[in-house]
Amino acid sequence: MTAQQSVVAAPDLVEAVNGVAYIKKLSDPTPASVSQYTEAAIGDVIEMLVSTSTGSNWNSQRVLIQPLFPVIFDIPKSTFTNNLVSGATANLRYRITKAGSPNVVTSPTLTVRLEP
């Protein structure tokens, strides 16, 4: 038996420019989006996960009540600003648990540089 592999896109940190999030320009909350994926269905659970090189972590879940995309997650700006140091980065990814299934699909990781 072979496992079916789903391919999903990395999330998008909407206000990042060329892989850099300029902290002074970020909204609070800061939007991150999940684009449409194959076989999206009502009841799918999407969990956004954020971790920074400075030790901040944040996550949130959305249950699809309609397959409308993009799905937006509002990340508190403090996730990116806590203990900010030169050269800091943030990693964003999401997991999809398909409705009625234990199968989980994980997105590629988006890494952005955090600048003051």
C-alpha atoms as a PDB file:
ATOM      1  CA  MET A   1       0.000   0.000   0.000  1.00  0.00           C
ATOM      2  CA  THR A   2       1.391   3.426  -0.876  1.00  0.00           C
ATOM      3  CA  ALA A   3       0.605   6.587   1.038  1.00  0.00           C
ATOM      4  CA  GLN A   4      -1.029   9.374  -0.905  1.00  0.00           C
ATOM      5  CA  GLN A   5       1.077  12.526  -0.687  1.00  0.00           C
ATOM      6  CA  SER A   6      -0.645  15.889  -0.758  1.00  0.00           C
ATOM      7  CA  VAL A   7       1.331  18.917  -1.752  1.00  0.00           C
ATOM      8  CA  VAL A   8       0.440  22.219  -0.119  1.00  0.00           C
ATOM      9  CA  ALA A   9       2.109  25.593  -0.403  1.00  0.00           C
ATOM     10  CA  ALA A  10       4.036  27.274   2.389  1.00  0.00           C
ATOM     11  CA  PRO A  11       2.062  29.890   4.320  1.00  0.00           C
ATOM     12  CA  ASP A  12       2.435  33.564   3.476  1.00  0.00           C
ATOM     13  CA  LEU A  13       3.274  36.260   5.999  1.00  0.00           C
ATOM     14  CA  VAL A  14       1.277  38.890   4.161  1.00  0.00           C
ATOM     15  CA  GLU A  15       3.303  41.937   5.274  1.00  0.00           C
ATOM     16  CA  ALA A  16       6.779  40.439   4.741  1.00  0.00           C
ATOM     17  CA  VAL A  17       8.757  41.838   1.811  1.00  0.00           C
ATOM     18  CA  ASN A  18      11.217  39.565  -0.002  1.00  0.00           C
ATOM     19  CA  GLY A  19      11.533  37.284   3.016  1.00  0.00           C
ATOM     20  CA  VAL A  20      11.914  40.088   5.563  1.00  0.00           C
ATOM     21  CA  ALA A  21       9.376  41.221   8.164  1.00  0.00           C
ATOM     22  CA  TYR A  22      10.059  44.820   9.179  1.00  0.00           C
ATOM     23  CA  ILE A  23       8.741  44.933  12.734  1.00  0.00           C
ATOM     24  CA  LYS A  24       7.956  48.666  12.740  1.00  0.00           C
ATOM     25  CA  LYS A  25       5.721  48.179   9.686  1.00  0.00           C
ATOM     26  CA  LEU A  26       3.829  45.098  10.887  1.00  0.00           C
ATOM     27  CA  SER A  27       0.172  45.378  11.821  1.00  0.00           C
ATOM     28  CA  ASP A  28      -1.017  44.112  15.175  1.00  0.00           C
ATOM     29  CA  PRO A  29      -2.218  41.456  14.672  1.00  0.00           C
ATOM     30  CA  THR A  30      -0.057  40.425  11.710  1.00  0.00           C
ATOM     31  CA  PRO A  31      -1.894  38.427   9.023  1.00  0.00           C
ATOM     32  CA  ALA A  32      -0.600  35.110   7.700  1.00  0.00           C
ATOM     33  CA  SER A  33      -2.466  33.225   5.012  1.00  0.00           C
ATOM     34  CA  VAL A  34      -3.030  29.685   3.817  1.00  0.00           C
ATOM     35  CA  SER A  35      -3.826  29.366   0.118  1.00  0.00           C
ATOM     36  CA  GLN A  36      -6.273  26.925  -1.399  1.00  0.00           C
ATOM     37  CA  TYR A  37      -5.214  23.297  -1.404  1.00  0.00           C
ATOM     38  CA  THR A  38      -6.393  20.217  -3.288  1.00  0.00           C
ATOM     39  CA  GLU A  39      -9.475  18.525  -1.874  1.00  0.00           C
ATOM     40  CA  ALA A  40     -10.233  21.219   0.695  1.00  0.00           C
ATOM     41  CA  ALA A  41     -13.402  20.226   2.500  1.00  0.00           C
ATOM     42  CA  ILE A  42     -15.774  21.551   5.132  1.00  0.00           C
ATOM     43  CA  GLY A  43     -14.587  20.255   8.498  1.00  0.00           C
ATOM     44  CA  ASP A  44     -10.859  20.294   7.693  1.00  0.00           C
ATOM     45  CA  VAL A  45      -8.805  21.653  10.593  1.00  0.00           C
ATOM     46  CA  ILE A  46      -5.962  24.011   9.725  1.00  0.00           C
ATOM     47  CA  GLU A  47      -3.454  24.785  12.469  1.00  0.00           C
ATOM     48  CA  MET A  48      -0.918  27.607  11.980  1.00  0.00           C
ATOM     49  CA  LEU A  49       2.335  27.266  13.932  1.00  0.00           C
ATOM     50  CA  VAL A  50       4.880  30.047  14.435  1.00  0.00           C
ATOM     51  CA  SER A  51       8.218  29.823  16.202  1.00  0.00           C
ATOM     52  CA  THR A  52      10.983  32.384  16.353  1.00  0.00           C
ATOM     53  CA  SER A  53      14.703  32.044  16.908  1.00  0.00           C
ATOM     54  CA  THR A  54      14.214  34.180  20.034  1.00  0.00           C
ATOM     55  CA  GLY A  55      11.969  31.624  21.731  1.00  0.00           C
ATOM     56  CA  SER A  56       8.463  32.876  20.931  1.00  0.00           C
ATOM     57  CA  ASN A  57       5.833  30.340  19.907  1.00  0.00           C
ATOM     58  CA  TRP A  58       2.243  30.789  18.776  1.00  0.00           C
ATOM     59  CA  ASN A  59      -0.402  28.562  17.238  1.00  0.00           C
ATOM     60  CA  SER A  60      -4.065  28.730  16.329  1.00  0.00           C
ATOM     61  CA  GLN A  61      -6.612  26.480  14.625  1.00  0.00           C
ATOM     62  CA  ARG A  62      -9.426  27.132  12.183  1.00  0.00           C
ATOM     63  CA  VAL A  63     -12.094  24.668  11.129  1.00  0.00           C
ATOM     64  CA  LEU A  64     -13.232  25.184   7.555  1.00  0.00           C
ATOM     65  CA  ILE A  65     -16.927  25.958   7.580  1.00  0.00           C
ATOM     66  CA  GLN A  66     -16.718  26.924   3.914  1.00  0.00           C
ATOM     67  CA  PRO A  67     -13.851  26.150   1.550  1.00  0.00           C
ATOM     68  CA  LEU A  68     -13.083  29.845   0.971  1.00  0.00           C
ATOM     69  CA  PHE A  69      -9.465  30.899   0.570  1.00  0.00           C
ATOM     70  CA  PRO A  70      -7.154  32.339   1.579  1.00  0.00           C
ATOM     71  CA  VAL A  71      -7.637  31.404   5.227  1.00  0.00           C
ATOM     72  CA  ILE A  72      -6.213  34.218   7.340  1.00  0.00           C
ATOM     73  CA  PHE A  73      -4.617  33.807  10.768  1.00  0.00           C
ATOM     74  CA  ASP A  74      -4.073  36.898  12.917  1.00  0.00           C
ATOM     75  CA  ILE A  75      -0.733  36.507  14.688  1.00  0.00           C
ATOM     76  CA  PRO A  76      -0.086  38.827  17.640  1.00  0.00           C
ATOM     77  CA  LYS A  77       2.750  41.192  16.733  1.00  0.00           C
ATOM     78  CA  SER A  78       4.375  40.398  20.080  1.00  0.00           C
ATOM     79  CA  THR A  79       5.155  36.924  18.712  1.00  0.00           C
ATOM     80  CA  PHE A  80       7.707  38.614  16.461  1.00  0.00           C
ATOM     81  CA  THR A  81       8.868  41.406  18.785  1.00  0.00           C
ATOM     82  CA  ASN A  82       9.544  39.470  22.021  1.00  0.00           C
ATOM     83  CA  ASN A  83      13.291  39.418  22.713  1.00  0.00           C
ATOM     84  CA  LEU A  84      14.018  40.694  19.187  1.00  0.00           C
ATOM     85  CA  VAL A  85      17.723  40.618  18.329  1.00  0.00           C
ATOM     86  CA  SER A  86      19.684  41.266  15.162  1.00  0.00           C
ATOM     87  CA  GLY A  87      19.509  38.298  12.817  1.00  0.00           C
ATOM     88  CA  ALA A  88      16.346  36.838  14.371  1.00  0.00           C
ATOM     89  CA  THR A  89      14.064  34.686  12.222  1.00  0.00           C
ATOM     90  CA  ALA A  90      10.519  33.366  12.358  1.00  0.00           C
ATOM     91  CA  ASN A  91       9.354  30.023  10.978  1.00  0.00           C
ATOM     92  CA  LEU A  92       5.735  29.609   9.905  1.00  0.00           C
ATOM     93  CA  ARG A  93       4.037  26.391   8.834  1.00  0.00           C
ATOM     94  CA  TYR A  94       0.606  24.868   9.042  1.00  0.00           C
ATOM     95  CA  ARG A  95      -0.930  21.436   9.427  1.00  0.00           C
ATOM     96  CA  ILE A  96      -4.138  20.241   7.840  1.00  0.00           C
ATOM     97  CA  THR A  97      -6.145  17.454   9.409  1.00  0.00           C
ATOM     98  CA  LYS A  98      -8.662  16.267   6.840  1.00  0.00           C
ATOM     99  CA  ALA A  99     -12.278  15.984   7.979  1.00  0.00           C
ATOM    100  CA  GLY A 100     -13.051  12.449   9.115  1.00  0.00           C
ATOM    101  CA  SER A 101      -9.462  11.291   8.765  1.00  0.00           C
ATOM    102  CA  PRO A 102      -6.470  10.942  11.074  1.00  0.00           C
ATOM    103  CA  ASN A 103      -4.168  11.953   8.202  1.00  0.00           C
ATOM    104  CA  VAL A 104      -2.217  15.166   8.682  1.00  0.00           C
ATOM    105  CA  VAL A 105      -0.528  17.147   5.917  1.00  0.00           C
ATOM    106  CA  THR A 106       2.193  19.602   6.918  1.00  0.00           C
ATOM    107  CA  SER A 107       3.177  22.557   4.771  1.00  0.00           C
ATOM    108  CA  PRO A 108       6.694  23.541   3.877  1.00  0.00           C
ATOM    109  CA  THR A 109       8.158  26.051   6.355  1.00  0.00           C
ATOM    110  CA  LEU A 110       8.305  29.728   5.516  1.00  0.00           C
ATOM    111  CA  THR A 111      11.324  31.369   7.166  1.00  0.00           C
ATOM    112  CA  VAL A 112      11.390  35.157   7.375  1.00  0.00           C
ATOM    113  CA  ARG A 113      14.086  37.422   8.764  1.00  0.00           C
ATOM    114  CA  LEU A 114      12.905  39.817  11.474  1.00  0.00           C
ATOM    115  CA  GLU A 115      14.236  43.361  11.251  1.00  0.00           C
ATOM    116  CA  PRO A 116      13.434  46.325  13.535  1.00  0.00           C
END
